[in-house]
C-alpha atoms as a PDB file:
ATOM      1  CA  UNK A   1     -38.174  24.589 -12.082  1.00  0.00           C
ATOM      2  CA  UNK A   2     -38.650  25.201  -8.179  1.00  0.00           C
ATOM      3  CA  UNK A   3     -38.561  22.013  -5.698  1.00  0.00           C
ATOM      4  CA  UNK A   4     -41.851  20.530  -5.090  1.00  0.00           C
ATOM      5  CA  UNK A   5     -42.989  22.275  -1.436  1.00  0.00           C
ATOM      6  CA  UNK A   6     -39.339  23.134  -0.678  1.00  0.00           C
ATOM      7  CA  UNK A   7     -40.197  24.505   2.822  1.00  0.00           C
ATOM      8  CA  UNK A   8     -41.989  21.498   3.985  1.00  0.00           C
ATOM      9  CA  UNK A   9     -40.899  17.855   5.153  1.00  0.00           C
ATOM     10  CA  UNK A  10     -42.131  15.587   2.527  1.00  0.00           C
ATOM     11  CA  UNK A  11     -42.073  11.877   3.470  1.00  0.00           C
ATOM     12  CA  UNK A  12     -42.581   8.797   1.196  1.00  0.00           C
ATOM     13  CA  UNK A  13     -45.102   7.279   2.238  1.00  0.00           C
ATOM     14  CA  UNK A  14     -46.306   4.805  -0.633  1.00  0.00           C
ATOM     15  CA  UNK A  15     -47.470   4.220  -4.343  1.00  0.00           C
ATOM     16  CA  UNK A  16     -50.198   3.194  -5.985  1.00  0.00           C
ATOM     17  CA  UNK A  17     -52.357   3.481  -8.968  1.00  0.00           C
ATOM     18  CA  UNK A  18     -56.095   5.364  -9.541  1.00  0.00           C
ATOM     19  CA  UNK A  19     -58.124   6.371 -12.505  1.00  0.00           C
ATOM     20  CA  UNK A  20     -55.272   8.805 -13.591  1.00  0.00           C
ATOM     21  CA  UNK A  21     -53.092   5.924 -13.404  1.00  0.00           C
ATOM     22  CA  UNK A  22     -50.030   5.506 -10.573  1.00  0.00           C
ATOM     23  CA  UNK A  23     -48.945   7.971  -8.054  1.00  0.00           C
ATOM     24  CA  UNK A  24     -46.293   8.431  -5.720  1.00  0.00           C
ATOM     25  CA  UNK A  25     -48.200   9.562  -2.606  1.00  0.00           C
ATOM     26  CA  UNK A  26     -46.166  11.695  -0.015  1.00  0.00           C
ATOM     27  CA  UNK A  27     -47.147  13.315   3.200  1.00  0.00           C
ATOM     28  CA  UNK A  28     -46.185  17.073   4.380  1.00  0.00           C
ATOM     29  CA  UNK A  29     -45.733  16.398   7.806  1.00  0.00           C
ATOM     30  CA  UNK A  30     -46.141  20.021   9.081  1.00  0.00           C
ATOM     31  CA  UNK A  31     -49.618  20.593   7.265  1.00  0.00           C
ATOM     32  CA  UNK A  32     -50.428  16.955   8.354  1.00  0.00           C
ATOM     33  CA  UNK A  33     -51.446  16.658   4.732  1.00  0.00           C
ATOM     34  CA  UNK A  34     -51.293  13.522   2.564  1.00  0.00           C
ATOM     35  CA  UNK A  35     -50.891  14.328  -0.957  1.00  0.00           C
ATOM     36  CA  UNK A  36     -51.056  11.753  -4.526  1.00  0.00           C
ATOM     37  CA  UNK A  37     -48.556  12.861  -7.041  1.00  0.00           C
ATOM     38  CA  UNK A  38     -49.532  11.256 -10.615  1.00  0.00           C
ATOM     39  CA  UNK A  39     -45.922  10.512 -12.804  1.00  0.00           C
ATOM     40  CA  UNK A  40     -47.012   9.300 -16.444  1.00  0.00           C
ATOM     41  CA  UNK A  41     -45.900  11.514 -18.535  1.00  0.00           C
ATOM     42  CA  UNK A  42     -44.158  13.912 -16.068  1.00  0.00           C
ATOM     43  CA  UNK A  43     -40.090  14.781 -16.209  1.00  0.00           C
ATOM     44  CA  UNK A  44     -38.884  14.989 -12.288  1.00  0.00           C
ATOM     45  CA  UNK A  45     -35.564  14.409 -10.196  1.00  0.00           C
ATOM     46  CA  UNK A  46     -36.994  12.399  -7.078  1.00  0.00           C
ATOM     47  CA  UNK A  47     -34.261  12.012  -3.898  1.00  0.00           C
ATOM     48  CA  UNK A  48     -34.383  10.104  -1.189  1.00  0.00           C
ATOM     49  CA  UNK A  49     -32.683  11.352   2.157  1.00  0.00           C
ATOM     50  CA  UNK A  50     -31.472   9.995   5.001  1.00  0.00           C
ATOM     51  CA  UNK A  51     -33.902  10.805   7.543  1.00  0.00           C
ATOM     52  CA  UNK A  52     -36.974   8.231   7.822  1.00  0.00           C
ATOM     53  CA  UNK A  53     -40.584   9.198   9.877  1.00  0.00           C
ATOM     54  CA  UNK A  54     -43.520   7.190  10.379  1.00  0.00           C
ATOM     55  CA  UNK A  55     -45.860   7.105   7.154  1.00  0.00           C
ATOM     56  CA  UNK A  56     -48.829   7.108   9.541  1.00  0.00           C
ATOM     57  CA  UNK A  57     -51.683   4.828  10.439  1.00  0.00           C
ATOM     58  CA  UNK A  58     -53.778   2.651   7.816  1.00  0.00           C
ATOM     59  CA  UNK A  59     -57.496   2.058   8.405  1.00  0.00           C
ATOM     60  CA  UNK A  60     -58.356  -1.575   7.190  1.00  0.00           C
ATOM     61  CA  UNK A  61     -62.017  -0.771   7.400  1.00  0.00           C
ATOM     62  CA  UNK A  62     -61.960   2.345   4.548  1.00  0.00           C
ATOM     63  CA  UNK A  63     -58.854   1.504   3.368  1.00  0.00           C
ATOM     64  CA  UNK A  64     -57.435   4.849   3.756  1.00  0.00           C
ATOM     65  CA  UNK A  65     -54.238   6.401   5.116  1.00  0.00           C
ATOM     66  CA  UNK A  66     -53.360   9.446   6.795  1.00  0.00           C
ATOM     67  CA  UNK A  67     -50.071  11.223   7.630  1.00  0.00           C
ATOM     68  CA  UNK A  68     -48.440  10.108  11.194  1.00  0.00           C
ATOM     69  CA  UNK A  69     -50.134  12.856  14.323  1.00  0.00           C
ATOM     70  CA  UNK A  70     -47.044  12.623  15.903  1.00  0.00           C
ATOM     71  CA  UNK A  71     -45.108  13.317  13.096  1.00  0.00           C
ATOM     72  CA  UNK A  72     -42.831  10.862  14.705  1.00  0.00           C
ATOM     73  CA  UNK A  73     -39.083  10.260  13.165  1.00  0.00           C
ATOM     74  CA  UNK A  74     -37.782   6.993  13.122  1.00  0.00           C
ATOM     75  CA  UNK A  75     -34.194   5.707  14.783  1.00  0.00           C
ATOM     76  CA  UNK A  76     -31.733   3.931  12.478  1.00  0.00           C
ATOM     77  CA  UNK A  77     -32.239   0.502  11.946  1.00  0.00           C
ATOM     78  CA  UNK A  78     -36.187   0.843  13.097  1.00  0.00           C
ATOM     79  CA  UNK A  79     -37.857  -2.370  11.128  1.00  0.00           C
ATOM     80  CA  UNK A  80     -41.126  -1.000  10.463  1.00  0.00           C
ATOM     81  CA  UNK A  81     -41.974   2.275   8.819  1.00  0.00           C
ATOM     82  CA  UNK A  82     -44.680   2.984  11.191  1.00  0.00           C
ATOM     83  CA  UNK A  83     -44.065   4.468  14.786  1.00  0.00           C
ATOM     84  CA  UNK A  84     -45.437   2.077  17.574  1.00  0.00           C
ATOM     85  CA  UNK A  85     -48.751   4.258  18.105  1.00  0.00           C
ATOM     86  CA  UNK A  86     -49.622   4.419  14.431  1.00  0.00           C
ATOM     87  CA  UNK A  87     -48.643   0.503  14.085  1.00  0.00           C
ATOM     88  CA  UNK A  88     -50.856  -0.132  16.835  1.00  0.00           C
ATOM     89  CA  UNK A  89     -54.045   1.623  15.547  1.00  0.00           C
ATOM     90  CA  UNK A  90     -53.520   0.184  11.828  1.00  0.00           C
ATOM     91  CA  UNK A  91     -53.364  -3.506  13.555  1.00  0.00           C
ATOM     92  CA  UNK A  92     -52.353  -5.328  10.117  1.00  0.00           C
ATOM     93  CA  UNK A  93     -50.235  -8.011   9.975  1.00  0.00           C
ATOM     94  CA  UNK A  94     -49.958  -9.642   6.326  1.00  0.00           C
ATOM     95  CA  UNK A  95     -48.547 -13.090   7.575  1.00  0.00           C
ATOM     96  CA  UNK A  96     -51.843 -13.404  10.141  1.00  0.00           C
ATOM     97  CA  UNK A  97     -51.307 -17.092   9.795  1.00  0.00           C
ATOM     98  CA  UNK A  98     -47.947 -17.243  11.460  1.00  0.00           C
ATOM     99  CA  UNK A  99     -49.014 -14.570  14.293  1.00  0.00           C
ATOM    100  CA  UNK A 100     -49.159 -15.424  17.894  1.00  0.00           C
ATOM    101  CA  UNK A 101     -51.734 -12.601  18.202  1.00  0.00           C
ATOM    102  CA  UNK A 102     -54.244 -10.957  16.158  1.00  0.00           C
ATOM    103  CA  UNK A 103     -55.585  -7.453  16.413  1.00  0.00           C
ATOM    104  CA  UNK A 104     -59.184  -6.599  16.453  1.00  0.00           C
ATOM    105  CA  UNK A 105     -58.778  -4.705  13.268  1.00  0.00           C
ATOM    106  CA  UNK A 106     -56.662  -7.361  11.546  1.00  0.00           C
ATOM    107  CA  UNK A 107     -59.297 -10.296  12.910  1.00  0.00           C
ATOM    108  CA  UNK A 108     -62.403  -7.936  11.279  1.00  0.00           C
ATOM    109  CA  UNK A 109     -60.312  -7.606   8.085  1.00  0.00           C
ATOM    110  CA  UNK A 110     -59.830 -11.562   7.395  1.00  0.00           C
ATOM    111  CA  UNK A 111     -63.209 -11.757   7.967  1.00  0.00           C
ATOM    112  CA  UNK A 112     -64.017  -9.704   4.854  1.00  0.00           C
ATOM    113  CA  UNK A 113     -64.193 -11.414   1.487  1.00  0.00           C
ATOM    114  CA  UNK A 114     -60.909 -12.368   0.120  1.00  0.00           C
ATOM    115  CA  UNK A 115     -59.420 -14.016  -3.058  1.00  0.00           C
ATOM    116  CA  UNK A 116     -56.822 -16.367  -4.378  1.00  0.00           C
ATOM    117  CA  UNK A 117     -54.586 -14.739  -7.177  1.00  0.00           C
ATOM    118  CA  UNK A 118     -51.712 -16.047  -9.483  1.00  0.00           C
ATOM    119  CA  UNK A 119     -49.261 -13.312 -10.662  1.00  0.00           C
ATOM    120  CA  UNK A 120     -46.543 -14.146 -13.635  1.00  0.00           C
ATOM    121  CA  UNK A 121     -42.942 -12.387 -13.601  1.00  0.00           C
ATOM    122  CA  UNK A 122     -41.449 -14.899 -15.920  1.00  0.00           C
ATOM    123  CA  UNK A 123     -42.540 -18.757 -17.268  1.00  0.00           C
ATOM    124  CA  UNK A 124     -40.224 -19.375 -14.130  1.00  0.00           C
ATOM    125  CA  UNK A 125     -41.845 -17.011 -11.587  1.00  0.00           C
ATOM    126  CA  UNK A 126     -45.563 -17.810 -10.906  1.00  0.00           C
ATOM    127  CA  UNK A 127     -46.481 -16.424  -7.458  1.00  0.00           C
ATOM    128  CA  UNK A 128     -49.523 -17.350  -5.582  1.00  0.00           C
ATOM    129  CA  UNK A 129     -50.943 -14.701  -2.942  1.00  0.00           C
ATOM    130  CA  UNK A 130     -54.130 -13.555  -1.296  1.00  0.00           C
ATOM    131  CA  UNK A 131     -56.003 -10.323  -1.184  1.00  0.00           C
ATOM    132  CA  UNK A 132     -58.933  -8.582   0.663  1.00  0.00           C
ATOM    133  CA  UNK A 133     -61.678  -8.018  -2.157  1.00  0.00           C
ATOM    134  CA  UNK A 134     -62.139  -4.187  -0.757  1.00  0.00           C
ATOM    135  CA  UNK A 135     -58.213  -3.717  -2.553  1.00  0.00           C
ATOM    136  CA  UNK A 136     -59.784  -4.905  -5.767  1.00  0.00           C
ATOM    137  CA  UNK A 137     -56.964  -5.043  -8.156  1.00  0.00           C
ATOM    138  CA  UNK A 138     -54.459  -2.650  -6.958  1.00  0.00           C
ATOM    139  CA  UNK A 139     -53.031  -5.660  -4.875  1.00  0.00           C
ATOM    140  CA  UNK A 140     -51.895  -7.275  -8.098  1.00  0.00           C
ATOM    141  CA  UNK A 141     -50.314  -4.096  -9.497  1.00  0.00           C
ATOM    142  CA  UNK A 142     -48.500  -3.674  -6.079  1.00  0.00           C
ATOM    143  CA  UNK A 143     -46.816  -6.705  -6.855  1.00  0.00           C
ATOM    144  CA  UNK A 144     -45.887  -5.851 -10.479  1.00  0.00           C
ATOM    145  CA  UNK A 145     -46.939  -8.699 -11.778  1.00  0.00           C
ATOM    146  CA  UNK A 146     -47.154  -8.692 -15.533  1.00  0.00           C
ATOM    147  CA  UNK A 147     -50.427 -10.504 -16.118  1.00  0.00           C
ATOM    148  CA  UNK A 148     -52.489 -11.977 -13.476  1.00  0.00           C
ATOM    149  CA  UNK A 149     -55.234 -14.550 -12.799  1.00  0.00           C
ATOM    150  CA  UNK A 150     -57.783 -14.776  -9.766  1.00  0.00           C
ATOM    151  CA  UNK A 151     -58.136 -18.319  -9.022  1.00  0.00           C
ATOM    152  CA  UNK A 152     -60.895 -18.436  -6.383  1.00  0.00           C
ATOM    153  CA  UNK A 153     -63.385 -16.470  -4.412  1.00  0.00           C
ATOM    154  CA  UNK A 154     -63.719 -17.189  -0.555  1.00  0.00           C
ATOM    155  CA  UNK A 155     -65.722 -15.389   2.149  1.00  0.00           C
ATOM    156  CA  UNK A 156     -62.869 -14.671   4.584  1.00  0.00           C
ATOM    157  CA  UNK A 157     -58.894 -14.866   4.871  1.00  0.00           C
ATOM    158  CA  UNK A 158     -58.857 -18.425   6.732  1.00  0.00           C
ATOM    159  CA  UNK A 159     -60.452 -20.028   3.917  1.00  0.00           C
ATOM    160  CA  UNK A 160     -58.349 -18.327   0.915  1.00  0.00           C
ATOM    161  CA  UNK A 161     -55.139 -18.709   2.921  1.00  0.00           C
ATOM    162  CA  UNK A 162     -55.498 -22.826   2.904  1.00  0.00           C
ATOM    163  CA  UNK A 163     -55.796 -22.824  -1.308  1.00  0.00           C
ATOM    164  CA  UNK A 164     -53.110 -20.283  -1.239  1.00  0.00           C
ATOM    165  CA  UNK A 165     -50.507 -22.765   1.281  1.00  0.00           C
ATOM    166  CA  UNK A 166     -51.759 -25.576  -0.714  1.00  0.00           C
ATOM    167  CA  UNK A 167     -50.364 -24.470  -3.935  1.00  0.00           C
ATOM    168  CA  UNK A 168     -47.113 -22.913  -2.677  1.00  0.00           C
ATOM    169  CA  UNK A 169     -46.336 -26.268  -1.103  1.00  0.00           C
ATOM    170  CA  UNK A 170     -46.383 -27.537  -5.191  1.00  0.00           C
ATOM    171  CA  UNK A 171     -43.131 -27.307  -6.970  1.00  0.00           C
ATOM    172  CA  UNK A 172     -42.795 -24.235  -9.375  1.00  0.00           C
ATOM    173  CA  UNK A 173     -45.144 -21.683  -7.370  1.00  0.00           C
ATOM    174  CA  UNK A 174     -43.817 -18.849  -5.271  1.00  0.00           C
ATOM    175  CA  UNK A 175     -45.101 -17.616  -1.959  1.00  0.00           C
ATOM    176  CA  UNK A 176     -42.675 -14.729  -1.977  1.00  0.00           C
ATOM    177  CA  UNK A 177     -40.531 -13.061  -4.313  1.00  0.00           C
ATOM    178  CA  UNK A 178     -37.470 -10.426  -3.874  1.00  0.00           C
ATOM    179  CA  UNK A 179     -37.936  -6.883  -4.989  1.00  0.00           C
ATOM    180  CA  UNK A 180     -34.721  -6.983  -6.589  1.00  0.00           C
ATOM    181  CA  UNK A 181     -35.610 -10.495  -8.723  1.00  0.00           C
ATOM    182  CA  UNK A 182     -38.992  -8.722 -10.017  1.00  0.00           C
ATOM    183  CA  UNK A 183     -36.743  -5.503 -10.944  1.00  0.00           C
ATOM    184  CA  UNK A 184     -34.663  -7.789 -12.796  1.00  0.00           C
ATOM    185  CA  UNK A 185     -37.129  -9.421 -14.516  1.00  0.00           C
ATOM    186  CA  UNK A 186     -38.655  -6.483 -16.146  1.00  0.00           C
ATOM    187  CA  UNK A 187     -36.018  -6.212 -18.628  1.00  0.00           C
ATOM    188  CA  UNK A 188     -36.329 -10.067 -20.271  1.00  0.00           C
ATOM    189  CA  UNK A 189     -38.543 -10.432 -23.090  1.00  0.00           C
ATOM    190  CA  UNK A 190     -42.521 -10.297 -22.490  1.00  0.00           C
ATOM    191  CA  UNK A 191     -45.462 -11.405 -24.390  1.00  0.00           C
ATOM    192  CA  UNK A 192     -48.394 -10.932 -22.921  1.00  0.00           C
ATOM    193  CA  UNK A 193     -50.624 -13.820 -24.914  1.00  0.00           C
ATOM    194  CA  UNK A 194     -47.891 -16.313 -23.950  1.00  0.00           C
ATOM    195  CA  UNK A 195     -47.702 -15.120 -20.274  1.00  0.00           C
ATOM    196  CA  UNK A 196     -51.449 -15.190 -20.063  1.00  0.00           C
ATOM    197  CA  UNK A 197     -51.671 -18.643 -21.174  1.00  0.00           C
ATOM    198  CA  UNK A 198     -48.742 -19.727 -19.088  1.00  0.00           C
ATOM    199  CA  UNK A 199     -50.671 -18.839 -15.667  1.00  0.00           C
ATOM    200  CA  UNK A 200     -53.777 -21.069 -17.225  1.00  0.00           C
ATOM    201  CA  UNK A 201     -51.737 -23.694 -17.652  1.00  0.00           C
ATOM    202  CA  UNK A 202     -50.032 -23.470 -14.604  1.00  0.00           C
ATOM    203  CA  UNK A 203     -53.646 -23.142 -12.796  1.00  0.00           C
ATOM    204  CA  UNK A 204     -55.219 -26.141 -14.474  1.00  0.00           C
ATOM    205  CA  UNK A 205     -52.280 -28.270 -13.616  1.00  0.00           C
ATOM    206  CA  UNK A 206     -53.207 -27.955 -10.274  1.00  0.00           C
ATOM    207  CA  UNK A 207     -57.042 -28.441 -10.823  1.00  0.00           C
ATOM    208  CA  UNK A 208     -57.930 -24.743 -10.796  1.00  0.00           C
ATOM    209  CA  UNK A 209     -59.685 -22.379 -13.136  1.00  0.00           C
ATOM    210  CA  UNK A 210     -59.167 -18.747 -13.167  1.00  0.00           C
ATOM    211  CA  UNK A 211     -62.053 -17.117 -12.320  1.00  0.00           C
ATOM    212  CA  UNK A 212     -63.111 -14.256 -15.033  1.00  0.00           C
ATOM    213  CA  UNK A 213     -60.110 -14.977 -16.955  1.00  0.00           C
ATOM    214  CA  UNK A 214     -56.154 -13.991 -17.036  1.00  0.00           C
ATOM    215  CA  UNK A 215     -55.719 -10.189 -16.956  1.00  0.00           C
ATOM    216  CA  UNK A 216     -52.791  -8.287 -18.987  1.00  0.00           C
ATOM    217  CA  UNK A 217     -51.640  -5.540 -16.636  1.00  0.00           C
ATOM    218  CA  UNK A 218     -49.612  -3.222 -18.895  1.00  0.00           C
ATOM    219  CA  UNK A 219     -52.595  -0.992 -19.379  1.00  0.00           C
ATOM    220  CA  UNK A 220     -52.588  -0.036 -15.791  1.00  0.00           C
ATOM    221  CA  UNK A 221     -48.728   0.575 -15.553  1.00  0.00           C
ATOM    222  CA  UNK A 222     -48.149   2.364 -18.575  1.00  0.00           C
ATOM    223  CA  UNK A 223     -51.383   4.433 -19.482  1.00  0.00           C
ATOM    224  CA  UNK A 224     -54.054   3.263 -21.560  1.00  0.00           C
ATOM    225  CA  UNK A 225     -53.472   5.649 -24.103  1.00  0.00           C
ATOM    226  CA  UNK A 226     -49.370   5.207 -23.961  1.00  0.00           C
ATOM    227  CA  UNK A 227     -47.647   2.091 -25.455  1.00  0.00           C
ATOM    228  CA  UNK A 228     -45.233   0.077 -23.418  1.00  0.00           C
ATOM    229  CA  UNK A 229     -41.633   0.932 -24.144  1.00  0.00           C
ATOM    230  CA  UNK A 230     -39.935  -1.794 -26.773  1.00  0.00           C
ATOM    231  CA  UNK A 231     -36.750  -1.750 -24.692  1.00  0.00           C
ATOM    232  CA  UNK A 232     -35.853  -1.267 -21.039  1.00  0.00           C
ATOM    233  CA  UNK A 233     -32.751  -1.633 -18.460  1.00  0.00           C
ATOM    234  CA  UNK A 234     -31.457  -0.962 -15.006  1.00  0.00           C
ATOM    235  CA  UNK A 235     -29.056   1.758 -15.081  1.00  0.00           C
ATOM    236  CA  UNK A 236     -25.510   1.472 -14.714  1.00  0.00           C
ATOM    237  CA  UNK A 237     -23.875   3.687 -12.048  1.00  0.00           C
ATOM    238  CA  UNK A 238     -26.889   4.959 -10.481  1.00  0.00           C
ATOM    239  CA  UNK A 239     -26.943   6.942  -7.531  1.00  0.00           C
ATOM    240  CA  UNK A 240     -28.515   4.806  -5.005  1.00  0.00           C
ATOM    241  CA  UNK A 241     -30.436   7.870  -3.459  1.00  0.00           C
ATOM    242  CA  UNK A 242     -31.821   9.477  -6.616  1.00  0.00           C
ATOM    243  CA  UNK A 243     -33.704   9.064  -9.988  1.00  0.00           C
ATOM    244  CA  UNK A 244     -34.563  11.145 -13.029  1.00  0.00           C
ATOM    245  CA  UNK A 245     -36.294  11.490 -15.948  1.00  0.00           C
ATOM    246  CA  UNK A 246     -39.284  11.586 -18.036  1.00  0.00           C
ATOM    247  CA  UNK A 247     -41.634   8.801 -16.415  1.00  0.00           C
ATOM    248  CA  UNK A 248     -43.317   6.810 -18.861  1.00  0.00           C
ATOM    249  CA  UNK A 249     -44.623   4.023 -16.297  1.00  0.00           C
ATOM    250  CA  UNK A 250     -44.682   2.668 -12.801  1.00  0.00           C
ATOM    251  CA  UNK A 251     -44.782  -1.243 -12.609  1.00  0.00           C
ATOM    252  CA  UNK A 252     -45.013  -2.587  -8.732  1.00  0.00           C
ATOM    253  CA  UNK A 253     -42.469   0.081  -6.941  1.00  0.00           C
ATOM    254  CA  UNK A 254     -40.598   0.369  -9.779  1.00  0.00           C
ATOM    255  CA  UNK A 255     -40.595   3.777 -12.100  1.00  0.00           C
ATOM    256  CA  UNK A 256     -40.001   3.528 -15.622  1.00  0.00           C
ATOM    257  CA  UNK A 257     -38.164   6.601 -16.294  1.00  0.00           C
ATOM    258  CA  UNK A 258     -37.182   7.753 -19.913  1.00  0.00           C
ATOM    259  CA  UNK A 259     -33.584  10.025 -20.634  1.00  0.00           C
ATOM    260  CA  UNK A 260     -32.427  10.630 -23.695  1.00  0.00           C
ATOM    261  CA  UNK A 261     -34.549   7.917 -25.601  1.00  0.00           C
ATOM    262  CA  UNK A 262     -33.679   4.938 -23.213  1.00  0.00           C
ATOM    263  CA  UNK A 263     -35.692   3.897 -20.784  1.00  0.00           C
ATOM    264  CA  UNK A 264     -34.619   2.795 -17.519  1.00  0.00           C
ATOM    265  CA  UNK A 265     -36.050   0.789 -14.145  1.00  0.00           C
ATOM    266  CA  UNK A 266     -35.387   2.253 -11.014  1.00  0.00           C
ATOM    267  CA  UNK A 267     -37.109   0.604  -7.636  1.00  0.00           C
ATOM    268  CA  UNK A 268     -38.168   3.019  -5.096  1.00  0.00           C
ATOM    269  CA  UNK A 269     -40.588   0.949  -2.899  1.00  0.00           C
ATOM    270  CA  UNK A 270     -37.881   0.643  -0.532  1.00  0.00           C
ATOM    271  CA  UNK A 271     -37.577   4.598  -0.211  1.00  0.00           C
ATOM    272  CA  UNK A 272     -40.993   4.508   1.755  1.00  0.00           C
ATOM    273  CA  UNK A 273     -40.802   6.280   5.223  1.00  0.00           C
ATOM    274  CA  UNK A 274     -37.809   8.487   4.244  1.00  0.00           C
ATOM    275  CA  UNK A 275     -37.755  12.101   3.633  1.00  0.00           C
ATOM    276  CA  UNK A 276     -37.652  13.163  -0.131  1.00  0.00           C
ATOM    277  CA  UNK A 277     -36.863  16.001  -2.246  1.00  0.00           C
ATOM    278  CA  UNK A 278     -38.911  16.408  -5.575  1.00  0.00           C
ATOM    279  CA  UNK A 279     -37.544  18.413  -8.543  1.00  0.00           C
ATOM    280  CA  UNK A 280     -40.292  19.171 -11.092  1.00  0.00           C
ATOM    281  CA  UNK A 281     -39.110  19.452 -14.736  1.00  0.00           C
ATOM    282  CA  UNK A 282     -35.457  18.763 -14.193  1.00  0.00           C
ATOM    283  CA  UNK A 283     -33.188  15.966 -14.733  1.00  0.00           C
ATOM    284  CA  UNK A 284     -30.446  16.181 -12.165  1.00  0.00           C
ATOM    285  CA  UNK A 285     -28.949  12.632 -12.899  1.00  0.00           C
ATOM    286  CA  UNK A 286     -28.076  11.125 -16.108  1.00  0.00           C
ATOM    287  CA  UNK A 287     -27.797   7.443 -16.557  1.00  0.00           C
ATOM    288  CA  UNK A 288     -25.019   5.231 -18.318  1.00  0.00           C
ATOM    289  CA  UNK A 289     -26.514   2.406 -20.220  1.00  0.00           C
ATOM    290  CA  UNK A 290     -24.734  -0.651 -22.132  1.00  0.00           C
ATOM    291  CA  UNK A 291     -26.772  -0.909 -25.552  1.00  0.00           C
ATOM    292  CA  UNK A 292     -25.977  -5.117 -25.543  1.00  0.00           C
ATOM    293  CA  UNK A 293     -27.736  -5.091 -22.269  1.00  0.00           C
ATOM    294  CA  UNK A 294     -30.993  -4.058 -23.159  1.00  0.00           C
ATOM    295  CA  UNK A 295     -33.543  -6.417 -23.458  1.00  0.00           C
ATOM    296  CA  UNK A 296     -37.040  -6.568 -25.375  1.00  0.00           C
ATOM    297  CA  UNK A 297     -39.953  -5.497 -22.772  1.00  0.00           C
END
């Protein structure tokens, strides 16, 4: 099968979830076009190239993104995934409460209704955060939480942040988690009912009752008509710049890829801003595995 848009410069600019399920987003620089590529059930090879480009601006009002109009290439060591012009146009800072200056876009965004959530990754890994209501459930899915509950809703970000800070100051409640930790936890045993009860118990222990219950996010990751794999593991000896297989799901920023009956979880979130090559219908790298290392999903 051919490469996807072989004559174009494709930039991995994000990932997300919509009515068709999880997708990868790529920008065609020359065409100034952004594309969402559904991944469930598709076989492909995804290769990260060394070149990096701006992923383009993001509109905090409409929640829409676009390809960088400057087609700006990012220099080695650039700490951001946007060029200065797109960063200024976007004006977003998730840690606004620690910033010396807040952009007009961020100030307006902070005035929108926000909610505080608790996300479950394991019995020992419960994370609390905030999100704008305009994002809906997508923030929870991007986190890669196995289950999650909305603890409380507020008219603005500042009030939501107050509860977030209060809860994160408590023992056993996390404010941040490394992507590598989340990825490792995916291979541990998971029981949705036990996970949901864990969130209920932790929230109530801090005098908060989850609004509208606690939600199992599995169907969003693996599709409503597909079962989650029974076994999953990180691949042994995998190349750091390529992943391949039949995609059976996406959890947060990691793809669940099946090869020869085995399911491997590969993090790709940190590939954003890199030029990529996508080969459709072919598996160009094979994973090794140790059966005894496999954990129940």
